[in-house]
Amino acid sequence: MTDWREIYETDCALPPGRRLDDLVAELAAALGDPDPEVRDGYPYAVLAAWIRRGVIDGERCLALGDLMAERFTDPRIEARTFAPLVLEMIVSQGSLRPEWLDAFAAWYRSEADLRGCDDTLGWLHAVAHGADLLATCGVRPDIDPEPLLALAAERLLTPTDYLFAQREDDRLAKAVARILTRTDLTAERSTAWLSPIGAAFAALERGPMPVWVSNTARALRALYLLADLGVSAERGGHPVPLAHGDAVKARVAEVLRPVLP
């Protein structure tokens, strides 16, 4: 087995005498490993560096992206939820096939295992990891943002018994806010995706708040804050204003009214 820690500690230098294709295949397997020390450890860091630096480029990136898209239907939750992280690395460097986005959307709207972290498997984080890919795709000028905004609403509206406990609401709100920085969006297009949420909230009956309502309400509160202050792609980065921040805040406030105390 490759010593990925040793590679990481040598500034992720390509080890001499090794075929890059073999190393990429090993990394791809590691990113679906049930051992969190493997899946979320040194292989992850090396893969990110090699994609960012162009060590893995061209056809290799496309092949890796195809493999990750296939993993959205993998029976292993840890394989499904780390696939969007790898795709996000690839899309960030410019590669994207439409079928990747189709596979992601089908998975993201329907994934039932939303646990943030498992005692044995470690981080799973389907909603948060998917949100990262959603944002990276949504800021690309060659992608229509409206289906991605609608996908975010679908994810929030899907009934679940899992209460977002690991900042999934913040991650999804940030993804939506980043998409809403696009200057080609009108005020109407920036807020239309909220209508299904508004209708669902308005139809709620009196009684205990369902888990999905709590998740959605907290995500929208986070979005309101980002619409007011702006959003940065990186932690500590310069905040970018939403294209129609005031319209988004007004519509979010209206949608939230039925679930406010």
C-alpha atoms as a PDB file:
ATOM      1  CA  MET A   1       0.000   0.000   0.000  1.00  0.00           C
ATOM      2  CA  THR A   2       1.125   3.531  -0.720  1.00  0.00           C
ATOM      3  CA  ASP A   3       2.228   5.574   2.285  1.00  0.00           C
ATOM      4  CA  TRP A   4       0.044   8.638   1.686  1.00  0.00           C
ATOM      5  CA  ARG A   5       1.268  10.303   4.850  1.00  0.00           C
ATOM      6  CA  GLU A   6       4.821  10.213   3.516  1.00  0.00           C
ATOM      7  CA  ILE A   7       3.664  11.736   0.224  1.00  0.00           C
ATOM      8  CA  TYR A   8       1.729  14.427   2.077  1.00  0.00           C
ATOM      9  CA  GLU A   9       4.744  15.286   4.214  1.00  0.00           C
ATOM     10  CA  THR A  10       6.899  15.739   1.100  1.00  0.00           C
ATOM     11  CA  ASP A  11       4.565  18.499  -0.122  1.00  0.00           C
ATOM     12  CA  CYS A  12       2.474  15.970  -2.046  1.00  0.00           C
ATOM     13  CA  ALA A  13       5.311  15.344  -4.511  1.00  0.00           C
ATOM     14  CA  LEU A  14       4.629  12.589  -7.037  1.00  0.00           C
ATOM     15  CA  PRO A  15       6.612   9.560  -5.818  1.00  0.00           C
ATOM     16  CA  PRO A  16       9.307   8.433  -8.280  1.00  0.00           C
ATOM     17  CA  GLY A  17       8.886   5.150 -10.065  1.00  0.00           C
ATOM     18  CA  ARG A  18       5.099   5.011  -9.639  1.00  0.00           C
ATOM     19  CA  ARG A  19       2.488   5.136 -12.418  1.00  0.00           C
ATOM     20  CA  LEU A  20       0.138   8.063 -11.936  1.00  0.00           C
ATOM     21  CA  ASP A  21      -2.845   6.027 -13.135  1.00  0.00           C
ATOM     22  CA  ASP A  22      -2.197   3.422 -10.440  1.00  0.00           C
ATOM     23  CA  LEU A  23      -1.951   6.100  -7.773  1.00  0.00           C
ATOM     24  CA  VAL A  24      -5.178   7.770  -8.913  1.00  0.00           C
ATOM     25  CA  ALA A  25      -6.994   4.435  -8.796  1.00  0.00           C
ATOM     26  CA  GLU A  26      -5.725   3.867  -5.266  1.00  0.00           C
ATOM     27  CA  LEU A  27      -6.822   7.347  -4.209  1.00  0.00           C
ATOM     28  CA  ALA A  28     -10.268   6.812  -5.723  1.00  0.00           C
ATOM     29  CA  ALA A  29     -10.655   3.619  -3.706  1.00  0.00           C
ATOM     30  CA  ALA A  30      -9.453   5.368  -0.531  1.00  0.00           C
ATOM     31  CA  LEU A  31     -12.081   8.102  -0.897  1.00  0.00           C
ATOM     32  CA  GLY A  32     -14.788   5.451  -0.523  1.00  0.00           C
ATOM     33  CA  ASP A  33     -13.099   3.485   2.261  1.00  0.00           C
ATOM     34  CA  PRO A  34     -15.192   2.765   5.387  1.00  0.00           C
ATOM     35  CA  ASP A  35     -12.221   3.672   7.599  1.00  0.00           C
ATOM     36  CA  PRO A  36     -12.499   7.442   8.239  1.00  0.00           C
ATOM     37  CA  GLU A  37      -8.739   7.666   8.792  1.00  0.00           C
ATOM     38  CA  VAL A  38      -8.291   6.503   5.212  1.00  0.00           C
ATOM     39  CA  ARG A  39     -11.245   8.207   3.540  1.00  0.00           C
ATOM     40  CA  ASP A  40     -10.895  11.564   5.264  1.00  0.00           C
ATOM     41  CA  GLY A  41      -7.164  11.557   5.981  1.00  0.00           C
ATOM     42  CA  TYR A  42      -3.946  11.833   3.983  1.00  0.00           C
ATOM     43  CA  PRO A  43      -5.370  10.388   0.730  1.00  0.00           C
ATOM     44  CA  TYR A  44      -8.008  13.122   0.724  1.00  0.00           C
ATOM     45  CA  ALA A  45      -5.382  15.824   1.213  1.00  0.00           C
ATOM     46  CA  VAL A  46      -3.105  14.421  -1.493  1.00  0.00           C
ATOM     47  CA  LEU A  47      -5.949  14.033  -3.975  1.00  0.00           C
ATOM     48  CA  ALA A  48      -7.048  17.633  -3.377  1.00  0.00           C
ATOM     49  CA  ALA A  49      -3.486  18.893  -3.923  1.00  0.00           C
ATOM     50  CA  TRP A  50      -2.956  16.870  -7.095  1.00  0.00           C
ATOM     51  CA  ILE A  51      -6.225  18.041  -8.637  1.00  0.00           C
ATOM     52  CA  ARG A  52      -5.581  21.657  -7.642  1.00  0.00           C
ATOM     53  CA  ARG A  53      -2.039  21.591  -9.073  1.00  0.00           C
ATOM     54  CA  GLY A  54      -3.039  19.841 -12.272  1.00  0.00           C
ATOM     55  CA  VAL A  55      -1.100  16.658 -11.524  1.00  0.00           C
ATOM     56  CA  ILE A  56      -4.393  14.872 -12.192  1.00  0.00           C
ATOM     57  CA  ASP A  57      -5.727  16.618 -15.273  1.00  0.00           C
ATOM     58  CA  GLY A  58      -7.443  16.134 -18.611  1.00  0.00           C
ATOM     59  CA  GLU A  59      -8.777  12.649 -19.245  1.00  0.00           C
ATOM     60  CA  ARG A  60      -7.785  11.479 -15.770  1.00  0.00           C
ATOM     61  CA  CYS A  61     -10.000  14.140 -14.178  1.00  0.00           C
ATOM     62  CA  LEU A  62     -12.882  13.201 -16.454  1.00  0.00           C
ATOM     63  CA  ALA A  63     -12.485   9.504 -15.677  1.00  0.00           C
ATOM     64  CA  LEU A  64     -12.335  10.230 -11.956  1.00  0.00           C
ATOM     65  CA  GLY A  65     -15.444  12.383 -12.245  1.00  0.00           C
ATOM     66  CA  ASP A  66     -17.271   9.587 -14.069  1.00  0.00           C
ATOM     67  CA  LEU A  67     -16.385   7.201 -11.249  1.00  0.00           C
ATOM     68  CA  MET A  68     -17.617   9.623  -8.586  1.00  0.00           C
ATOM     69  CA  ALA A  69     -20.896  10.124 -10.463  1.00  0.00           C
ATOM     70  CA  GLU A  70     -21.390   6.346 -10.442  1.00  0.00           C
ATOM     71  CA  ARG A  71     -20.874   6.320  -6.681  1.00  0.00           C
ATOM     72  CA  PHE A  72     -24.070   8.271  -6.100  1.00  0.00           C
ATOM     73  CA  THR A  73     -25.847   4.915  -6.447  1.00  0.00           C
ATOM     74  CA  ASP A  74     -23.309   2.956  -4.377  1.00  0.00           C
ATOM     75  CA  PRO A  75     -24.889   0.948  -1.523  1.00  0.00           C
ATOM     76  CA  ARG A  76     -22.265   2.311   0.893  1.00  0.00           C
ATOM     77  CA  ILE A  77     -23.239   5.626   2.479  1.00  0.00           C
ATOM     78  CA  GLU A  78     -19.604   6.647   2.963  1.00  0.00           C
ATOM     79  CA  ALA A  79     -18.945   6.214  -0.765  1.00  0.00           C
ATOM     80  CA  ARG A  80     -22.031   8.203  -1.754  1.00  0.00           C
ATOM     81  CA  THR A  81     -21.353  11.129   0.560  1.00  0.00           C
ATOM     82  CA  PHE A  82     -17.689  11.592  -0.340  1.00  0.00           C
ATOM     83  CA  ALA A  83     -18.363  11.516  -4.086  1.00  0.00           C
ATOM     84  CA  PRO A  84     -19.573  15.161  -4.152  1.00  0.00           C
ATOM     85  CA  LEU A  85     -16.402  16.294  -2.385  1.00  0.00           C
ATOM     86  CA  VAL A  86     -14.217  14.786  -5.103  1.00  0.00           C
ATOM     87  CA  LEU A  87     -16.480  16.144  -7.841  1.00  0.00           C
ATOM     88  CA  GLU A  88     -16.279  19.577  -6.237  1.00  0.00           C
ATOM     89  CA  MET A  89     -12.477  19.433  -6.507  1.00  0.00           C
ATOM     90  CA  ILE A  90     -12.738  18.501 -10.179  1.00  0.00           C
ATOM     91  CA  VAL A  91     -15.422  21.039 -11.096  1.00  0.00           C
ATOM     92  CA  SER A  92     -13.459  23.772  -9.316  1.00  0.00           C
ATOM     93  CA  GLN A  93     -10.627  23.155 -11.767  1.00  0.00           C
ATOM     94  CA  GLY A  94     -12.932  23.493 -14.767  1.00  0.00           C
ATOM     95  CA  SER A  95     -14.000  19.962 -15.727  1.00  0.00           C
ATOM     96  CA  LEU A  96     -17.697  19.134 -15.817  1.00  0.00           C
ATOM     97  CA  ARG A  97     -19.934  16.718 -17.669  1.00  0.00           C
ATOM     98  CA  PRO A  98     -23.718  17.340 -17.679  1.00  0.00           C
ATOM     99  CA  GLU A  99     -24.327  13.745 -16.614  1.00  0.00           C
ATOM    100  CA  TRP A 100     -22.376  14.354 -13.403  1.00  0.00           C
ATOM    101  CA  LEU A 101     -24.818  17.080 -12.480  1.00  0.00           C
ATOM    102  CA  ASP A 102     -27.790  14.852 -13.321  1.00  0.00           C
ATOM    103  CA  ALA A 103     -26.426  12.040 -11.131  1.00  0.00           C
ATOM    104  CA  PHE A 104     -25.745  14.456  -8.292  1.00  0.00           C
ATOM    105  CA  ALA A 105     -29.222  15.982  -8.431  1.00  0.00           C
ATOM    106  CA  ALA A 106     -30.915  12.574  -8.406  1.00  0.00           C
ATOM    107  CA  TRP A 107     -28.904  11.585  -5.343  1.00  0.00           C
ATOM    108  CA  TYR A 108     -29.125  14.866  -3.458  1.00  0.00           C
ATOM    109  CA  ARG A 109     -32.892  15.130  -3.548  1.00  0.00           C
ATOM    110  CA  SER A 110     -33.403  11.525  -2.458  1.00  0.00           C
ATOM    111  CA  GLU A 111     -30.589  10.574  -0.050  1.00  0.00           C
ATOM    112  CA  ALA A 112     -32.234   9.242   3.106  1.00  0.00           C
ATOM    113  CA  ASP A 113     -29.175   8.856   5.345  1.00  0.00           C
ATOM    114  CA  LEU A 114     -28.453  12.413   6.412  1.00  0.00           C
ATOM    115  CA  ARG A 115     -26.329  11.692   9.496  1.00  0.00           C
ATOM    116  CA  GLY A 116     -23.558  14.181   9.990  1.00  0.00           C
ATOM    117  CA  CYS A 117     -21.166  11.824  11.717  1.00  0.00           C
ATOM    118  CA  ASP A 118     -21.165   8.127  12.596  1.00  0.00           C
ATOM    119  CA  ASP A 119     -19.232   6.607  15.507  1.00  0.00           C
ATOM    120  CA  THR A 120     -17.640   4.018  13.212  1.00  0.00           C
ATOM    121  CA  LEU A 121     -17.675   5.558   9.737  1.00  0.00           C
ATOM    122  CA  GLY A 122     -16.764   9.085  10.813  1.00  0.00           C
ATOM    123  CA  TRP A 123     -17.981  12.061   8.794  1.00  0.00           C
ATOM    124  CA  LEU A 124     -20.771  11.347   6.317  1.00  0.00           C
ATOM    125  CA  HIS A 125     -22.421  14.773   5.970  1.00  0.00           C
ATOM    126  CA  ALA A 126     -24.538  14.189   2.866  1.00  0.00           C
ATOM    127  CA  VAL A 127     -26.298  17.555   3.032  1.00  0.00           C
ATOM    128  CA  ALA A 128     -23.161  19.580   3.718  1.00  0.00           C
ATOM    129  CA  HIS A 129     -20.958  17.789   1.187  1.00  0.00           C
ATOM    130  CA  GLY A 130     -23.665  18.058  -1.428  1.00  0.00           C
ATOM    131  CA  ALA A 131     -24.045  21.757  -0.659  1.00  0.00           C
ATOM    132  CA  ASP A 132     -20.377  22.340  -1.446  1.00  0.00           C
ATOM    133  CA  LEU A 133     -20.794  20.830  -4.911  1.00  0.00           C
ATOM    134  CA  LEU A 134     -24.089  22.684  -5.375  1.00  0.00           C
ATOM    135  CA  ALA A 135     -22.322  25.997  -4.800  1.00  0.00           C
ATOM    136  CA  THR A 136     -19.364  25.263  -7.056  1.00  0.00           C
ATOM    137  CA  CYS A 137     -21.674  24.249  -9.899  1.00  0.00           C
ATOM    138  CA  GLY A 138     -24.077  27.092  -9.235  1.00  0.00           C
ATOM    139  CA  VAL A 139     -21.545  29.882  -9.658  1.00  0.00           C
ATOM    140  CA  ARG A 140     -20.419  28.647 -13.073  1.00  0.00           C
ATOM    141  CA  PRO A 141     -21.783  30.980 -15.772  1.00  0.00           C
ATOM    142  CA  ASP A 142     -22.413  28.039 -18.124  1.00  0.00           C
ATOM    143  CA  ILE A 143     -24.882  26.410 -15.715  1.00  0.00           C
ATOM    144  CA  ASP A 144     -28.489  27.533 -15.233  1.00  0.00           C
ATOM    145  CA  PRO A 145     -28.735  28.417 -11.519  1.00  0.00           C
ATOM    146  CA  GLU A 146     -32.490  27.998 -11.150  1.00  0.00           C
ATOM    147  CA  PRO A 147     -32.581  24.171 -11.191  1.00  0.00           C
ATOM    148  CA  LEU A 148     -29.877  24.173  -8.515  1.00  0.00           C
ATOM    149  CA  LEU A 149     -31.819  26.593  -6.335  1.00  0.00           C
ATOM    150  CA  ALA A 150     -34.888  24.394  -6.799  1.00  0.00           C
ATOM    151  CA  LEU A 151     -32.768  21.380  -5.825  1.00  0.00           C
ATOM    152  CA  ALA A 152     -31.799  23.096  -2.574  1.00  0.00           C
ATOM    153  CA  ALA A 153     -35.483  23.662  -1.821  1.00  0.00           C
ATOM    154  CA  GLU A 154     -36.275  20.013  -2.594  1.00  0.00           C
ATOM    155  CA  ARG A 155     -33.544  18.848  -0.227  1.00  0.00           C
ATOM    156  CA  LEU A 156     -34.936  21.002   2.567  1.00  0.00           C
ATOM    157  CA  LEU A 157     -38.539  19.968   1.968  1.00  0.00           C
ATOM    158  CA  THR A 158     -37.853  16.217   1.967  1.00  0.00           C
ATOM    159  CA  PRO A 159     -39.199  14.752   5.242  1.00  0.00           C
ATOM    160  CA  THR A 160     -36.528  13.420   7.591  1.00  0.00           C
ATOM    161  CA  ASP A 161     -36.116  12.472  11.227  1.00  0.00           C
ATOM    162  CA  TYR A 162     -32.529  13.763  11.263  1.00  0.00           C
ATOM    163  CA  LEU A 163     -32.168  17.166  12.894  1.00  0.00           C
ATOM    164  CA  PHE A 164     -29.284  19.089  11.367  1.00  0.00           C
ATOM    165  CA  ALA A 165     -26.705  18.994  14.167  1.00  0.00           C
ATOM    166  CA  GLN A 166     -23.428  19.525  12.332  1.00  0.00           C
ATOM    167  CA  ARG A 167     -24.044  22.900  10.665  1.00  0.00           C
ATOM    168  CA  GLU A 168     -25.704  21.374   7.631  1.00  0.00           C
ATOM    169  CA  ASP A 169     -28.158  24.273   7.640  1.00  0.00           C
ATOM    170  CA  ASP A 170     -25.305  26.793   7.493  1.00  0.00           C
ATOM    171  CA  ARG A 171     -23.515  24.931   4.699  1.00  0.00           C
ATOM    172  CA  LEU A 172     -26.629  24.725   2.552  1.00  0.00           C
ATOM    173  CA  ALA A 173     -27.495  28.373   3.219  1.00  0.00           C
ATOM    174  CA  LYS A 174     -23.990  29.389   2.184  1.00  0.00           C
ATOM    175  CA  ALA A 175     -24.264  27.371  -1.027  1.00  0.00           C
ATOM    176  CA  VAL A 176     -27.548  29.059  -1.937  1.00  0.00           C
ATOM    177  CA  ALA A 177     -26.144  32.478  -1.051  1.00  0.00           C
ATOM    178  CA  ARG A 178     -23.133  31.930  -3.298  1.00  0.00           C
ATOM    179  CA  ILE A 179     -25.418  31.045  -6.205  1.00  0.00           C
ATOM    180  CA  LEU A 180     -27.449  34.175  -5.486  1.00  0.00           C
ATOM    181  CA  THR A 181     -24.380  36.368  -6.003  1.00  0.00           C
ATOM    182  CA  ARG A 182     -24.739  35.787  -9.747  1.00  0.00           C
ATOM    183  CA  THR A 183     -25.412  39.092 -11.459  1.00  0.00           C
ATOM    184  CA  ASP A 184     -27.379  37.439 -14.280  1.00  0.00           C
ATOM    185  CA  LEU A 185     -30.158  36.606 -11.825  1.00  0.00           C
ATOM    186  CA  THR A 186     -33.169  38.890 -11.604  1.00  0.00           C
ATOM    187  CA  ALA A 187     -34.906  39.552  -8.306  1.00  0.00           C
ATOM    188  CA  GLU A 188     -37.739  37.270  -9.387  1.00  0.00           C
ATOM    189  CA  ARG A 189     -35.376  34.429 -10.319  1.00  0.00           C
ATOM    190  CA  SER A 190     -33.499  34.920  -7.048  1.00  0.00           C
ATOM    191  CA  THR A 191     -36.620  34.293  -4.985  1.00  0.00           C
ATOM    192  CA  ALA A 192     -38.871  31.989  -7.041  1.00  0.00           C
ATOM    193  CA  TRP A 193     -37.275  28.852  -5.559  1.00  0.00           C
ATOM    194  CA  LEU A 194     -38.640  29.872  -2.135  1.00  0.00           C
ATOM    195  CA  SER A 195     -42.284  29.533  -3.224  1.00  0.00           C
ATOM    196  CA  PRO A 196     -42.577  25.754  -2.569  1.00  0.00           C
ATOM    197  CA  ILE A 197     -41.144  26.301   0.918  1.00  0.00           C
ATOM    198  CA  GLY A 198     -43.582  29.130   1.539  1.00  0.00           C
ATOM    199  CA  ALA A 199     -46.497  26.951   0.474  1.00  0.00           C
ATOM    200  CA  ALA A 200     -45.326  24.074   2.689  1.00  0.00           C
ATOM    201  CA  PHE A 201     -44.955  26.339   5.713  1.00  0.00           C
ATOM    202  CA  ALA A 202     -48.340  27.955   5.140  1.00  0.00           C
ATOM    203  CA  ALA A 203     -50.006  24.527   5.081  1.00  0.00           C
ATOM    204  CA  LEU A 204     -48.598  23.429   8.444  1.00  0.00           C
ATOM    205  CA  GLU A 205     -51.063  22.515  11.142  1.00  0.00           C
ATOM    206  CA  ARG A 206     -50.733  23.433  14.802  1.00  0.00           C
ATOM    207  CA  GLY A 207     -48.613  21.110  16.907  1.00  0.00           C
ATOM    208  CA  PRO A 208     -45.005  20.053  17.322  1.00  0.00           C
ATOM    209  CA  MET A 209     -42.689  21.306  14.606  1.00  0.00           C
ATOM    210  CA  PRO A 210     -41.598  18.527  12.219  1.00  0.00           C
ATOM    211  CA  VAL A 211     -37.858  18.019  11.975  1.00  0.00           C
ATOM    212  CA  TRP A 212     -37.691  19.084   8.322  1.00  0.00           C
ATOM    213  CA  VAL A 213     -39.411  22.361   9.225  1.00  0.00           C
ATOM    214  CA  SER A 214     -36.832  23.102  11.909  1.00  0.00           C
ATOM    215  CA  ASN A 215     -33.994  22.287   9.506  1.00  0.00           C
ATOM    216  CA  THR A 216     -35.473  24.458   6.787  1.00  0.00           C
ATOM    217  CA  ALA A 217     -36.273  27.389   9.055  1.00  0.00           C
ATOM    218  CA  ARG A 218     -32.723  27.466  10.419  1.00  0.00           C
ATOM    219  CA  ALA A 219     -31.268  27.302   6.906  1.00  0.00           C
ATOM    220  CA  LEU A 220     -33.426  30.238   5.854  1.00  0.00           C
ATOM    221  CA  ARG A 221     -32.405  32.266   8.897  1.00  0.00           C
ATOM    222  CA  ALA A 222     -28.771  31.681   7.957  1.00  0.00           C
ATOM    223  CA  LEU A 223     -29.551  32.719   4.383  1.00  0.00           C
ATOM    224  CA  TYR A 224     -31.183  35.932   5.644  1.00  0.00           C
ATOM    225  CA  LEU A 225     -27.973  36.799   7.493  1.00  0.00           C
ATOM    226  CA  LEU A 226     -25.838  36.121   4.416  1.00  0.00           C
ATOM    227  CA  ALA A 227     -28.198  38.173   2.258  1.00  0.00           C
ATOM    228  CA  ASP A 228     -27.630  41.031   4.680  1.00  0.00           C
ATOM    229  CA  LEU A 229     -23.859  40.711   5.105  1.00  0.00           C
ATOM    230  CA  GLY A 230     -22.694  39.037   1.893  1.00  0.00           C
ATOM    231  CA  VAL A 231     -21.011  35.666   1.443  1.00  0.00           C
ATOM    232  CA  SER A 232     -17.422  34.621   0.833  1.00  0.00           C
ATOM    233  CA  ALA A 233     -16.299  31.459  -0.916  1.00  0.00           C
ATOM    234  CA  GLU A 234     -13.505  30.884   1.595  1.00  0.00           C
ATOM    235  CA  ARG A 235     -13.540  31.260   5.362  1.00  0.00           C
ATOM    236  CA  GLY A 236     -12.317  34.748   6.214  1.00  0.00           C
ATOM    237  CA  GLY A 237     -12.590  35.883   2.599  1.00  0.00           C
ATOM    238  CA  HIS A 238     -14.065  39.149   1.399  1.00  0.00           C
ATOM    239  CA  PRO A 239     -17.887  38.935   1.451  1.00  0.00           C
ATOM    240  CA  VAL A 240     -19.632  39.321  -1.893  1.00  0.00           C
ATOM    241  CA  PRO A 241     -23.130  40.847  -1.884  1.00  0.00           C
ATOM    242  CA  LEU A 242     -26.054  38.883  -3.223  1.00  0.00           C
ATOM    243  CA  ALA A 243     -27.297  40.275  -6.524  1.00  0.00           C
ATOM    244  CA  HIS A 244     -30.712  41.033  -5.004  1.00  0.00           C
ATOM    245  CA  GLY A 245     -30.070  40.802  -1.280  1.00  0.00           C
ATOM    246  CA  ASP A 246     -32.962  43.010  -0.207  1.00  0.00           C
ATOM    247  CA  ALA A 247     -35.468  41.044  -2.287  1.00  0.00           C
ATOM    248  CA  VAL A 248     -34.144  37.775  -0.883  1.00  0.00           C
ATOM    249  CA  LYS A 249     -34.395  39.045   2.705  1.00  0.00           C
ATOM    250  CA  ALA A 250     -37.954  40.262   2.157  1.00  0.00           C
ATOM    251  CA  ARG A 251     -39.064  36.965   0.649  1.00  0.00           C
ATOM    252  CA  VAL A 252     -37.301  34.855   3.295  1.00  0.00           C
ATOM    253  CA  ALA A 253     -38.961  36.877   6.037  1.00  0.00           C
ATOM    254  CA  GLU A 254     -42.351  36.372   4.395  1.00  0.00           C
ATOM    255  CA  VAL A 255     -41.791  32.613   4.033  1.00  0.00           C
ATOM    256  CA  LEU A 256     -40.678  32.270   7.645  1.00  0.00           C
ATOM    257  CA  ARG A 257     -43.625  34.128   9.124  1.00  0.00           C
ATOM    258  CA  PRO A 258     -45.861  31.029   9.668  1.00  0.00           C
ATOM    259  CA  VAL A 259     -43.153  29.262  11.712  1.00  0.00           C
ATOM    260  CA  LEU A 260     -41.997  32.180  13.826  1.00  0.00           C
ATOM    261  CA  PRO A 261     -42.990  32.179  17.522  1.00  0.00           C
END
